[in-house]
Structure formats: structure tokens, C-alpha cells
Amino acid sequence: MEQKEILLNLLFFLGVFLLIFVITYFINLHKFKHKKEKNIAELYYLIMKFRLDKNKLNTRKMLIWFSFIDAFIMAFVSTFLSFIKIDTVWQMVIGFVLLVCLIYSFYEIYGRHLVNIEKRKEEKKNV
């Protein structure tokens, strides 16, 4: 692999990442400002799965993390798929499996992080 090709893939990754980050952040921010928080799927998923208290969450800060995670996943998968040279059908299959795995794993990690933060706040409050 040439250095030029690596640089081109890195620039492609950064371009896709920034584009998707900005778009998803402003879409989620628009929903948040217009009190459509139930339409933010990531927030709803984390609240339901991890039984988080919606009132204790800093939703605005979470929007940045949602946008970051989504942008990273989409940019990584698109860069990875453009990097491997196989048939389009197999690229679609690999891309779908990779997307599902990354979405589940990143939101699982982020949800557990939020649970730990909530526990620490409760411990400080009880001390």
C-alpha cells in the first residue's frame, strides 16, 4: 500500500466524518430545541435500555456524543469498504454487519458510561 493511498483514505475518512458530524448534530439539535426529544432515537434507546433518569441527563451534551459516535461509525465503515476491493454485494453484506456491530458496541459502551456517571453522582449525594 502506498503512502499516497493511505493519505487519500485518511482524508476521505476525515471529510466523511466532519460532514456527517455536522449534519447529525444540527438535526438532533433542531429536534431538541423543538421539544421532540422522543424523536432522537439514540437518546430514547439509552433511556429505555439502561433505565436512565431523563431529568438527570445533560441532553445537550449527549447530542454531541451521539453525533460523534454516528459520524465515526459511518466514516469508518465507508472508508473500510472503499479500501477493500471485492464485489459490491459482499461490500454491502460486510458493511451491514459492521454497522450493526459497531452501533451496538459503541452505544453499549456509552450507555454503561452514563450508568457509571449516574452511580457516582448518587454516591456523592449520599456521602
N, C-alpha and C. Protein backbone atom coordinates (compact mmCIF):
# COMPACT_ATOMS: atom_id res chain seq x y z
N MET A 1 0.85 -1.18 0.00
CA MET A 1 0.00 0.00 0.00
C MET A 1 0.89 1.24 0.00
N GLU A 2 0.57 2.14 -0.86
CA GLU A 2 1.37 3.35 -0.98
C GLU A 2 0.98 4.37 0.07
N GLN A 3 1.91 5.24 0.34
CA GLN A 3 1.67 6.30 1.32
C GLN A 3 0.60 7.27 0.80
N LYS A 4 0.57 7.47 -0.50
CA LYS A 4 -0.41 8.36 -1.11
C LYS A 4 -1.83 7.81 -0.92
N GLU A 5 -1.98 6.50 -1.05
CA GLU A 5 -3.28 5.87 -0.88
C GLU A 5 -3.75 5.94 0.57
N ILE A 6 -2.83 5.79 1.51
CA ILE A 6 -3.17 5.90 2.93
C ILE A 6 -3.63 7.32 3.24
N LEU A 7 -2.92 8.30 2.73
CA LEU A 7 -3.29 9.69 2.95
C LEU A 7 -4.64 10.01 2.33
N LEU A 8 -4.90 9.47 1.16
CA LEU A 8 -6.19 9.68 0.50
C LEU A 8 -7.33 9.07 1.31
N ASN A 9 -7.12 7.86 1.85
CA ASN A 9 -8.13 7.22 2.70
C ASN A 9 -8.35 8.00 3.99
N LEU A 10 -7.28 8.53 4.57
CA LEU A 10 -7.40 9.33 5.79
C LEU A 10 -8.18 10.61 5.52
N LEU A 11 -7.90 11.27 4.41
CA LEU A 11 -8.64 12.48 4.06
C LEU A 11 -10.11 12.18 3.77
N PHE A 12 -10.37 11.05 3.12
CA PHE A 12 -11.74 10.62 2.88
C PHE A 12 -12.47 10.39 4.19
N PHE A 13 -11.80 9.70 5.13
CA PHE A 13 -12.38 9.45 6.45
C PHE A 13 -12.71 10.77 7.16
N LEU A 14 -11.76 11.68 7.18
CA LEU A 14 -11.98 12.96 7.88
C LEU A 14 -13.09 13.78 7.22
N GLY A 15 -13.14 13.77 5.90
CA GLY A 15 -14.19 14.51 5.19
C GLY A 15 -15.57 13.95 5.49
N VAL A 16 -15.71 12.62 5.40
CA VAL A 16 -16.99 11.99 5.70
C VAL A 16 -17.36 12.20 7.16
N PHE A 17 -16.38 12.06 8.05
CA PHE A 17 -16.63 12.25 9.48
C PHE A 17 -17.16 13.65 9.78
N LEU A 18 -16.48 14.66 9.27
CA LEU A 18 -16.91 16.03 9.54
C LEU A 18 -18.28 16.33 8.94
N LEU A 19 -18.52 15.87 7.74
CA LEU A 19 -19.81 16.10 7.09
C LEU A 19 -20.94 15.46 7.88
N ILE A 20 -20.79 14.21 8.24
CA ILE A 20 -21.85 13.51 8.97
C ILE A 20 -22.00 14.07 10.37
N PHE A 21 -20.90 14.43 11.02
CA PHE A 21 -20.98 15.01 12.37
C PHE A 21 -21.80 16.29 12.36
N VAL A 22 -21.51 17.17 11.44
CA VAL A 22 -22.23 18.46 11.38
C VAL A 22 -23.71 18.23 11.07
N ILE A 23 -24.00 17.38 10.12
CA ILE A 23 -25.40 17.13 9.73
C ILE A 23 -26.18 16.52 10.88
N THR A 24 -25.65 15.46 11.50
CA THR A 24 -26.40 14.81 12.58
C THR A 24 -26.52 15.70 13.81
N TYR A 25 -25.49 16.50 14.09
CA TYR A 25 -25.58 17.39 15.24
C TYR A 25 -26.69 18.42 15.05
N PHE A 26 -26.76 19.03 13.89
CA PHE A 26 -27.78 20.05 13.68
C PHE A 26 -29.18 19.45 13.58
N ILE A 27 -29.31 18.24 13.07
CA ILE A 27 -30.62 17.59 13.05
C ILE A 27 -31.08 17.29 14.48
N ASN A 28 -30.18 16.72 15.29
CA ASN A 28 -30.54 16.42 16.68
C ASN A 28 -30.77 17.69 17.50
N LEU A 29 -29.99 18.72 17.24
CA LEU A 29 -30.17 19.99 17.94
C LEU A 29 -31.52 20.62 17.59
N HIS A 30 -31.91 20.51 16.34
CA HIS A 30 -33.22 21.02 15.91
C HIS A 30 -34.34 20.27 16.63
N LYS A 31 -34.23 18.96 16.73
CA LYS A 31 -35.24 18.17 17.44
C LYS A 31 -35.27 18.53 18.91
N PHE A 32 -34.09 18.75 19.51
CA PHE A 32 -34.00 19.09 20.92
C PHE A 32 -34.63 20.44 21.21
N LYS A 33 -34.35 21.41 20.36
CA LYS A 33 -34.89 22.75 20.58
C LYS A 33 -36.40 22.81 20.42
N HIS A 34 -36.94 21.94 19.58
CA HIS A 34 -38.39 21.94 19.35
C HIS A 34 -39.11 20.89 20.18
N LYS A 35 -38.44 20.48 21.29
CA LYS A 35 -39.03 19.55 22.26
C LYS A 35 -39.50 18.24 21.63
N LYS A 36 -38.74 17.77 20.65
CA LYS A 36 -39.05 16.48 20.03
C LYS A 36 -38.02 15.45 20.46
N GLU A 37 -37.71 15.44 21.76
CA GLU A 37 -36.66 14.56 22.26
C GLU A 37 -37.00 13.09 22.07
N LYS A 38 -38.28 12.75 21.98
CA LYS A 38 -38.65 11.36 21.76
C LYS A 38 -38.27 10.91 20.35
N ASN A 39 -38.05 11.86 19.46
CA ASN A 39 -37.65 11.52 18.10
C ASN A 39 -36.15 11.27 17.97
N ILE A 40 -35.38 11.56 19.00
CA ILE A 40 -33.95 11.28 18.98
C ILE A 40 -33.79 9.82 19.40
N ALA A 41 -33.58 8.96 18.42
CA ALA A 41 -33.60 7.51 18.65
C ALA A 41 -32.52 7.06 19.61
N GLU A 42 -31.34 7.65 19.52
CA GLU A 42 -30.24 7.24 20.39
C GLU A 42 -30.57 7.52 21.85
N LEU A 43 -31.13 8.68 22.12
CA LEU A 43 -31.50 9.06 23.48
C LEU A 43 -32.58 8.13 24.02
N TYR A 44 -33.58 7.90 23.23
CA TYR A 44 -34.68 7.02 23.63
C TYR A 44 -34.17 5.61 23.90
N TYR A 45 -33.29 5.11 23.04
CA TYR A 45 -32.73 3.77 23.20
C TYR A 45 -31.95 3.66 24.51
N LEU A 46 -31.08 4.63 24.80
CA LEU A 46 -30.27 4.56 26.01
C LEU A 46 -31.12 4.68 27.27
N ILE A 47 -32.13 5.53 27.24
CA ILE A 47 -33.00 5.69 28.41
C ILE A 47 -33.75 4.40 28.69
N MET A 48 -34.27 3.77 27.64
CA MET A 48 -35.04 2.55 27.83
C MET A 48 -34.15 1.35 28.19
N LYS A 49 -33.04 1.20 27.54
CA LYS A 49 -32.19 0.03 27.78
C LYS A 49 -31.51 0.06 29.14
N PHE A 50 -30.99 1.21 29.52
CA PHE A 50 -30.22 1.32 30.76
C PHE A 50 -31.02 1.92 31.91
N ARG A 51 -32.30 2.18 31.69
CA ARG A 51 -33.20 2.74 32.71
C ARG A 51 -32.60 4.00 33.35
N LEU A 52 -32.20 4.91 32.49
CA LEU A 52 -31.61 6.17 32.94
C LEU A 52 -32.71 7.17 33.27
N ASP A 53 -32.43 8.04 34.20
CA ASP A 53 -33.37 9.10 34.55
C ASP A 53 -33.17 10.26 33.59
N LYS A 54 -34.18 10.53 32.80
CA LYS A 54 -34.08 11.56 31.77
C LYS A 54 -33.81 12.94 32.36
N ASN A 55 -34.32 13.19 33.54
CA ASN A 55 -34.16 14.51 34.17
C ASN A 55 -32.73 14.75 34.65
N LYS A 56 -31.99 13.68 34.92
CA LYS A 56 -30.62 13.82 35.42
C LYS A 56 -29.59 13.89 34.29
N LEU A 57 -30.02 13.64 33.07
CA LEU A 57 -29.09 13.62 31.94
C LEU A 57 -28.88 15.01 31.36
N ASN A 58 -27.67 15.28 30.95
CA ASN A 58 -27.36 16.51 30.23
C ASN A 58 -27.55 16.22 28.74
N THR A 59 -28.78 16.40 28.29
CA THR A 59 -29.16 16.00 26.94
C THR A 59 -28.38 16.77 25.88
N ARG A 60 -28.15 18.01 26.11
CA ARG A 60 -27.44 18.81 25.10
C ARG A 60 -26.01 18.29 24.89
N LYS A 61 -25.36 17.91 25.98
CA LYS A 61 -24.02 17.35 25.87
C LYS A 61 -24.05 15.98 25.20
N MET A 62 -25.12 15.24 25.45
CA MET A 62 -25.25 13.92 24.84
C MET A 62 -25.43 14.02 23.33
N LEU A 63 -26.02 15.09 22.85
CA LEU A 63 -26.20 15.27 21.41
C LEU A 63 -24.87 15.30 20.68
N ILE A 64 -23.88 15.91 21.30
CA ILE A 64 -22.55 15.96 20.70
C ILE A 64 -21.96 14.55 20.61
N TRP A 65 -22.14 13.79 21.69
CA TRP A 65 -21.62 12.42 21.69
C TRP A 65 -22.36 11.54 20.70
N PHE A 66 -23.67 11.70 20.58
CA PHE A 66 -24.42 10.93 19.59
C PHE A 66 -23.91 11.23 18.18
N SER A 67 -23.72 12.49 17.91
CA SER A 67 -23.23 12.89 16.58
C SER A 67 -21.82 12.37 16.33
N PHE A 68 -20.98 12.42 17.37
CA PHE A 68 -19.61 11.92 17.24
C PHE A 68 -19.60 10.42 16.96
N ILE A 69 -20.39 9.66 17.72
CA ILE A 69 -20.43 8.21 17.55
C ILE A 69 -20.97 7.85 16.17
N ASP A 70 -22.08 8.47 15.79
CA ASP A 70 -22.68 8.18 14.48
C ASP A 70 -21.72 8.52 13.34
N ALA A 71 -21.08 9.66 13.44
CA ALA A 71 -20.16 10.09 12.38
C ALA A 71 -18.95 9.16 12.31
N PHE A 72 -18.43 8.76 13.46
CA PHE A 72 -17.28 7.86 13.46
C PHE A 72 -17.65 6.51 12.83
N ILE A 73 -18.79 5.97 13.21
CA ILE A 73 -19.20 4.68 12.68
C ILE A 73 -19.39 4.74 11.16
N MET A 74 -20.12 5.74 10.68
CA MET A 74 -20.37 5.83 9.24
C MET A 74 -19.10 6.11 8.45
N ALA A 75 -18.25 6.98 8.98
CA ALA A 75 -17.00 7.28 8.28
C ALA A 75 -16.07 6.08 8.26
N PHE A 76 -16.00 5.36 9.37
CA PHE A 76 -15.14 4.18 9.42
C PHE A 76 -15.61 3.11 8.46
N VAL A 77 -16.91 2.82 8.46
CA VAL A 77 -17.43 1.77 7.59
C VAL A 77 -17.27 2.16 6.12
N SER A 78 -17.57 3.39 5.78
CA SER A 78 -17.44 3.79 4.37
C SER A 78 -15.98 3.78 3.93
N THR A 79 -15.07 4.20 4.78
CA THR A 79 -13.66 4.18 4.44
C THR A 79 -13.16 2.74 4.31
N PHE A 80 -13.56 1.89 5.24
CA PHE A 80 -13.15 0.50 5.21
C PHE A 80 -13.65 -0.20 3.95
N LEU A 81 -14.91 0.06 3.60
CA LEU A 81 -15.48 -0.58 2.42
C LEU A 81 -14.87 -0.07 1.12
N SER A 82 -14.50 1.19 1.09
CA SER A 82 -13.86 1.71 -0.13
C SER A 82 -12.42 1.21 -0.23
N PHE A 83 -11.86 0.80 0.88
CA PHE A 83 -10.49 0.32 0.93
C PHE A 83 -10.37 -1.11 0.40
N ILE A 84 -11.34 -1.96 0.72
CA ILE A 84 -11.27 -3.35 0.25
C ILE A 84 -11.86 -3.45 -1.15
N LYS A 85 -11.25 -4.24 -1.96
CA LYS A 85 -11.67 -4.38 -3.35
C LYS A 85 -12.31 -5.75 -3.57
N ILE A 86 -13.63 -5.81 -3.32
CA ILE A 86 -14.39 -7.04 -3.57
C ILE A 86 -15.69 -6.64 -4.25
N ASP A 87 -16.50 -7.65 -4.59
CA ASP A 87 -17.77 -7.37 -5.26
C ASP A 87 -18.68 -6.50 -4.40
N THR A 88 -19.53 -5.74 -5.06
CA THR A 88 -20.42 -4.80 -4.38
C THR A 88 -21.37 -5.52 -3.42
N VAL A 89 -21.84 -6.68 -3.80
CA VAL A 89 -22.76 -7.43 -2.93
C VAL A 89 -22.08 -7.78 -1.62
N TRP A 90 -20.85 -8.24 -1.70
CA TRP A 90 -20.13 -8.58 -0.47
C TRP A 90 -19.78 -7.33 0.34
N GLN A 91 -19.52 -6.23 -0.33
CA GLN A 91 -19.28 -4.98 0.39
C GLN A 91 -20.52 -4.58 1.17
N MET A 92 -21.69 -4.75 0.56
CA MET A 92 -22.94 -4.40 1.25
C MET A 92 -23.16 -5.31 2.46
N VAL A 93 -22.90 -6.58 2.31
CA VAL A 93 -23.09 -7.52 3.42
C VAL A 93 -22.12 -7.20 4.56
N ILE A 94 -20.86 -7.02 4.21
CA ILE A 94 -19.86 -6.69 5.22
C ILE A 94 -20.18 -5.35 5.87
N GLY A 95 -20.60 -4.38 5.08
CA GLY A 95 -20.96 -3.07 5.62
C GLY A 95 -22.12 -3.13 6.57
N PHE A 96 -23.14 -3.91 6.24
CA PHE A 96 -24.30 -4.03 7.12
C PHE A 96 -23.92 -4.68 8.44
N VAL A 97 -23.16 -5.77 8.36
CA VAL A 97 -22.75 -6.47 9.59
C VAL A 97 -21.86 -5.56 10.43
N LEU A 98 -20.94 -4.87 9.80
CA LEU A 98 -20.04 -3.96 10.51
C LEU A 98 -20.81 -2.81 11.15
N LEU A 99 -21.78 -2.25 10.43
CA LEU A 99 -22.60 -1.18 11.00
C LEU A 99 -23.35 -1.64 12.24
N VAL A 100 -24.01 -2.77 12.14
CA VAL A 100 -24.80 -3.27 13.28
C VAL A 100 -23.90 -3.54 14.48
N CYS A 101 -22.76 -4.18 14.24
CA CYS A 101 -21.84 -4.48 15.34
C CYS A 101 -21.29 -3.22 16.00
N LEU A 102 -20.89 -2.26 15.19
CA LEU A 102 -20.32 -1.02 15.74
C LEU A 102 -21.37 -0.19 16.47
N ILE A 103 -22.55 -0.10 15.92
CA ILE A 103 -23.61 0.67 16.58
C ILE A 103 -23.93 0.06 17.94
N TYR A 104 -24.11 -1.25 17.96
CA TYR A 104 -24.43 -1.91 19.22
C TYR A 104 -23.31 -1.72 20.23
N SER A 105 -22.07 -1.96 19.81
CA SER A 105 -20.96 -1.91 20.76
C SER A 105 -20.70 -0.48 21.28
N PHE A 106 -20.71 0.51 20.39
CA PHE A 106 -20.44 1.88 20.85
C PHE A 106 -21.54 2.41 21.76
N TYR A 107 -22.80 2.13 21.44
CA TYR A 107 -23.87 2.63 22.30
C TYR A 107 -23.97 1.83 23.59
N GLU A 108 -23.54 0.59 23.57
CA GLU A 108 -23.46 -0.20 24.82
C GLU A 108 -22.40 0.40 25.74
N ILE A 109 -21.25 0.73 25.19
CA ILE A 109 -20.18 1.34 25.98
C ILE A 109 -20.63 2.70 26.51
N TYR A 110 -21.25 3.51 25.66
CA TYR A 110 -21.68 4.84 26.09
C TYR A 110 -22.78 4.75 27.15
N GLY A 111 -23.70 3.81 26.99
CA GLY A 111 -24.76 3.62 27.98
C GLY A 111 -24.21 3.20 29.33
N ARG A 112 -23.26 2.28 29.33
CA ARG A 112 -22.64 1.86 30.59
C ARG A 112 -21.87 3.01 31.24
N HIS A 113 -21.26 3.83 30.42
CA HIS A 113 -20.56 5.02 30.93
C HIS A 113 -21.55 5.96 31.62
N LEU A 114 -22.71 6.16 31.02
CA LEU A 114 -23.72 7.03 31.63
C LEU A 114 -24.24 6.45 32.93
N VAL A 115 -24.41 5.14 32.99
CA VAL A 115 -24.85 4.48 34.23
C VAL A 115 -23.81 4.69 35.32
N ASN A 116 -22.53 4.54 34.99
CA ASN A 116 -21.47 4.76 35.98
C ASN A 116 -21.44 6.20 36.47
N ILE A 117 -21.66 7.13 35.58
CA ILE A 117 -21.70 8.54 35.99
C ILE A 117 -22.86 8.78 36.94
N GLU A 118 -24.01 8.20 36.63
CA GLU A 118 -25.18 8.36 37.49
C GLU A 118 -24.94 7.74 38.86
N LYS A 119 -24.28 6.59 38.92
CA LYS A 119 -23.97 5.94 40.20
C LYS A 119 -23.02 6.80 41.03
N ARG A 120 -22.00 7.36 40.37
CA ARG A 120 -21.05 8.21 41.09
C ARG A 120 -21.73 9.44 41.67
N LYS A 121 -22.66 10.02 40.91
CA LYS A 121 -23.38 11.19 41.41
C LYS A 121 -24.24 10.82 42.63
N GLU A 122 -24.85 9.64 42.59
CA GLU A 122 -25.66 9.17 43.71
C GLU A 122 -24.81 8.92 44.93
N GLU A 123 -23.61 8.34 44.74
CA GLU A 123 -22.70 8.09 45.85
C GLU A 123 -22.24 9.38 46.51
N LYS A 124 -21.93 10.38 45.69
CA LYS A 124 -21.51 11.68 46.23
C LYS A 124 -22.65 12.35 46.99
N LYS A 125 -23.86 12.16 46.50
CA LYS A 125 -25.01 12.76 47.14
C LYS A 125 -25.30 12.11 48.49
N ASN A 126 -25.07 10.80 48.59
CA ASN A 126 -25.35 10.06 49.81
C ASN A 126 -24.26 10.20 50.85
N VAL A 127 -23.07 10.67 50.48
CA VAL A 127 -21.96 10.80 51.43
C VAL A 127 -22.08 12.02 52.25
